[in-house]
């Protein structure tokens, strides 16, 4: 599992990019493997996506609520 430092420095995104490159550059050998295809889909879920300002606001508010909830648990 990645650390806060891994996320804040971009290491997580870089490693995801590298993993996806392996899947994209392999000539078919991984595409025919059911387990490899499942792993690839899981990795793709972590690809960054551009959020609108309202979407970002919602995520930030939810995160703040979670932090507040767990800090009192």
N, C-alpha and C. Protein backbone atom coordinates (compact mmCIF):
# COMPACT_ATOMS: atom_id res chain seq x y z
N UNK A 1 0.84 -1.17 0.00
CA UNK A 1 0.00 0.00 0.00
C UNK A 1 0.89 1.24 0.00
N UNK A 2 0.50 2.21 -0.79
CA UNK A 2 1.28 3.42 -0.88
C UNK A 2 1.19 4.28 0.37
N UNK A 3 2.26 5.01 0.62
CA UNK A 3 2.28 5.93 1.76
C UNK A 3 1.81 7.31 1.30
N UNK A 4 1.60 8.20 2.24
CA UNK A 4 1.24 9.57 1.90
C UNK A 4 2.32 10.19 1.04
N UNK A 5 3.57 9.90 1.37
CA UNK A 5 4.70 10.41 0.60
C UNK A 5 4.65 9.89 -0.84
N UNK A 6 4.30 8.62 -1.02
CA UNK A 6 4.20 8.06 -2.37
C UNK A 6 3.17 8.79 -3.21
N UNK A 7 2.06 9.15 -2.58
CA UNK A 7 1.02 9.87 -3.31
C UNK A 7 1.41 11.33 -3.56
N UNK A 8 1.95 11.99 -2.55
CA UNK A 8 2.25 13.42 -2.70
C UNK A 8 3.41 13.68 -3.65
N UNK A 9 4.32 12.72 -3.79
CA UNK A 9 5.46 12.92 -4.70
C UNK A 9 5.17 12.43 -6.11
N UNK A 10 4.05 11.76 -6.30
CA UNK A 10 3.71 11.27 -7.63
C UNK A 10 4.22 9.87 -7.93
N UNK A 11 4.87 9.23 -6.95
CA UNK A 11 5.40 7.87 -7.18
C UNK A 11 4.29 6.88 -7.55
N UNK A 12 3.14 7.02 -6.92
CA UNK A 12 2.04 6.10 -7.21
C UNK A 12 1.62 6.22 -8.67
N UNK A 13 1.44 7.44 -9.14
CA UNK A 13 1.05 7.63 -10.54
C UNK A 13 2.12 7.14 -11.49
N UNK A 14 3.36 7.37 -11.16
CA UNK A 14 4.46 6.91 -12.01
C UNK A 14 4.48 5.38 -12.09
N UNK A 15 4.28 4.71 -10.97
CA UNK A 15 4.26 3.25 -10.97
C UNK A 15 3.05 2.70 -11.73
N UNK A 16 1.93 3.37 -11.64
CA UNK A 16 0.75 2.96 -12.41
C UNK A 16 1.05 3.11 -13.90
N UNK A 17 1.66 4.24 -14.26
CA UNK A 17 2.01 4.48 -15.66
C UNK A 17 2.94 3.39 -16.18
N UNK A 18 3.93 3.00 -15.36
CA UNK A 18 4.87 1.95 -15.76
C UNK A 18 4.15 0.61 -15.92
N UNK A 19 3.27 0.29 -14.98
CA UNK A 19 2.54 -0.99 -15.05
C UNK A 19 1.66 -1.04 -16.30
N UNK A 20 0.97 0.05 -16.59
CA UNK A 20 0.13 0.07 -17.78
C UNK A 20 0.96 -0.02 -19.05
N UNK A 21 2.15 0.57 -19.02
CA UNK A 21 3.04 0.47 -20.18
C UNK A 21 3.42 -0.99 -20.45
N UNK A 22 3.65 -1.75 -19.39
CA UNK A 22 3.98 -3.18 -19.56
C UNK A 22 2.83 -3.90 -20.25
N UNK A 23 1.61 -3.63 -19.81
CA UNK A 23 0.45 -4.27 -20.42
C UNK A 23 0.28 -3.83 -21.87
N UNK A 24 0.50 -2.56 -22.15
CA UNK A 24 0.32 -2.05 -23.51
C UNK A 24 1.42 -2.51 -24.46
N UNK A 25 2.64 -2.69 -23.95
CA UNK A 25 3.77 -3.02 -24.83
C UNK A 25 3.94 -4.51 -25.05
N UNK A 26 3.35 -5.34 -24.23
CA UNK A 26 3.48 -6.78 -24.41
C UNK A 26 2.63 -7.21 -25.59
N UNK A 27 3.22 -7.95 -26.48
CA UNK A 27 2.54 -8.31 -27.72
C UNK A 27 1.55 -9.44 -27.54
N UNK A 28 0.43 -9.14 -26.94
CA UNK A 28 -0.65 -10.11 -26.86
C UNK A 28 -0.55 -11.15 -25.78
N UNK A 29 0.62 -11.40 -25.23
CA UNK A 29 0.77 -12.49 -24.27
C UNK A 29 -0.04 -12.24 -23.00
N UNK A 30 -0.14 -11.00 -22.56
CA UNK A 30 -0.92 -10.70 -21.36
C UNK A 30 -2.40 -10.52 -21.67
N UNK A 31 -2.73 -10.11 -22.87
CA UNK A 31 -4.13 -9.88 -23.23
C UNK A 31 -4.94 -11.17 -23.27
N UNK A 32 -4.29 -12.28 -23.49
CA UNK A 32 -4.99 -13.56 -23.55
C UNK A 32 -5.06 -14.23 -22.18
N UNK A 33 -4.44 -13.65 -21.19
CA UNK A 33 -4.40 -14.22 -19.85
C UNK A 33 -5.49 -13.55 -19.01
N UNK A 34 -6.46 -14.35 -18.56
CA UNK A 34 -7.60 -13.81 -17.83
C UNK A 34 -7.18 -13.08 -16.56
N UNK A 35 -6.23 -13.63 -15.85
CA UNK A 35 -5.77 -13.00 -14.61
C UNK A 35 -5.07 -11.67 -14.91
N UNK A 36 -4.28 -11.63 -15.96
CA UNK A 36 -3.59 -10.40 -16.33
C UNK A 36 -4.58 -9.31 -16.73
N UNK A 37 -5.64 -9.69 -17.41
CA UNK A 37 -6.66 -8.72 -17.81
C UNK A 37 -7.35 -8.15 -16.58
N UNK A 38 -7.64 -8.99 -15.58
CA UNK A 38 -8.25 -8.49 -14.33
C UNK A 38 -7.31 -7.53 -13.62
N UNK A 39 -6.03 -7.85 -13.58
CA UNK A 39 -5.04 -6.98 -12.93
C UNK A 39 -4.97 -5.64 -13.68
N UNK A 40 -4.96 -5.71 -14.99
CA UNK A 40 -4.90 -4.49 -15.78
C UNK A 40 -6.10 -3.58 -15.49
N UNK A 41 -7.28 -4.15 -15.39
CA UNK A 41 -8.47 -3.35 -15.09
C UNK A 41 -8.37 -2.70 -13.72
N UNK A 42 -7.83 -3.44 -12.74
CA UNK A 42 -7.66 -2.88 -11.39
C UNK A 42 -6.68 -1.71 -11.42
N UNK A 43 -5.60 -1.86 -12.17
CA UNK A 43 -4.60 -0.79 -12.26
C UNK A 43 -5.19 0.43 -12.95
N UNK A 44 -5.98 0.23 -13.99
CA UNK A 44 -6.56 1.33 -14.74
C UNK A 44 -7.49 2.18 -13.87
N UNK A 45 -8.08 1.58 -12.84
CA UNK A 45 -8.95 2.34 -11.95
C UNK A 45 -8.19 3.45 -11.23
N UNK A 46 -6.87 3.33 -11.13
CA UNK A 46 -6.06 4.33 -10.44
C UNK A 46 -5.51 5.40 -11.36
N UNK A 47 -5.80 5.30 -12.64
CA UNK A 47 -5.33 6.34 -13.55
C UNK A 47 -5.96 7.68 -13.16
N UNK A 48 -5.19 8.74 -13.24
CA UNK A 48 -5.75 10.04 -12.87
C UNK A 48 -6.83 10.46 -13.86
N UNK A 49 -7.78 11.21 -13.36
CA UNK A 49 -8.80 11.76 -14.25
C UNK A 49 -9.02 13.22 -13.86
N UNK A 50 -9.41 13.99 -14.83
CA UNK A 50 -9.63 15.41 -14.60
C UNK A 50 -11.04 15.61 -14.05
N UNK A 51 -11.11 16.32 -12.94
CA UNK A 51 -12.40 16.60 -12.31
C UNK A 51 -12.79 18.05 -12.54
N UNK A 52 -14.07 18.25 -12.62
CA UNK A 52 -14.55 19.63 -12.66
C UNK A 52 -14.43 20.20 -11.24
N UNK A 53 -14.52 21.50 -11.11
CA UNK A 53 -14.43 22.12 -9.80
C UNK A 53 -15.52 21.59 -8.86
N UNK A 54 -16.78 21.49 -9.31
CA UNK A 54 -17.82 20.96 -8.42
C UNK A 54 -17.55 19.51 -7.99
N UNK A 55 -17.04 18.67 -8.91
CA UNK A 55 -16.71 17.30 -8.54
C UNK A 55 -15.60 17.26 -7.50
N UNK A 56 -14.57 18.06 -7.71
CA UNK A 56 -13.45 18.10 -6.77
C UNK A 56 -13.94 18.55 -5.39
N UNK A 57 -14.82 19.52 -5.38
CA UNK A 57 -15.36 20.02 -4.11
C UNK A 57 -16.08 18.90 -3.36
N UNK A 58 -16.86 18.12 -4.06
CA UNK A 58 -17.59 17.00 -3.43
C UNK A 58 -16.61 16.01 -2.82
N UNK A 59 -15.57 15.62 -3.59
CA UNK A 59 -14.59 14.66 -3.07
C UNK A 59 -13.85 15.21 -1.86
N UNK A 60 -13.49 16.47 -1.90
CA UNK A 60 -12.76 17.08 -0.78
C UNK A 60 -13.64 17.11 0.47
N UNK A 61 -14.90 17.46 0.29
CA UNK A 61 -15.82 17.49 1.44
C UNK A 61 -16.02 16.10 2.02
N UNK A 62 -16.15 15.10 1.16
CA UNK A 62 -16.31 13.72 1.65
C UNK A 62 -15.07 13.27 2.40
N UNK A 63 -13.90 13.61 1.88
CA UNK A 63 -12.65 13.24 2.55
C UNK A 63 -12.54 13.92 3.90
N UNK A 64 -12.91 15.18 3.95
CA UNK A 64 -12.86 15.91 5.23
C UNK A 64 -13.81 15.29 6.24
N UNK A 65 -14.98 14.87 5.78
CA UNK A 65 -15.95 14.23 6.66
C UNK A 65 -15.40 12.90 7.18
N UNK A 66 -14.74 12.13 6.31
CA UNK A 66 -14.16 10.85 6.74
C UNK A 66 -13.04 11.07 7.77
N UNK A 67 -12.22 12.06 7.52
CA UNK A 67 -11.13 12.35 8.46
C UNK A 67 -11.72 12.74 9.82
N UNK A 68 -12.73 13.57 9.78
CA UNK A 68 -13.38 14.01 11.02
C UNK A 68 -14.02 12.82 11.74
N UNK A 69 -14.67 11.94 10.99
CA UNK A 69 -15.34 10.77 11.57
C UNK A 69 -14.34 9.83 12.22
N UNK A 70 -13.25 9.53 11.52
CA UNK A 70 -12.27 8.57 12.06
C UNK A 70 -11.40 9.15 13.16
N UNK A 71 -11.26 10.46 13.20
CA UNK A 71 -10.43 11.04 14.25
C UNK A 71 -11.11 10.97 15.61
N UNK A 72 -12.42 10.77 15.62
CA UNK A 72 -13.16 10.66 16.88
C UNK A 72 -13.56 9.24 17.20
N UNK A 73 -13.12 8.29 16.40
CA UNK A 73 -13.49 6.88 16.64
C UNK A 73 -12.66 6.25 17.72
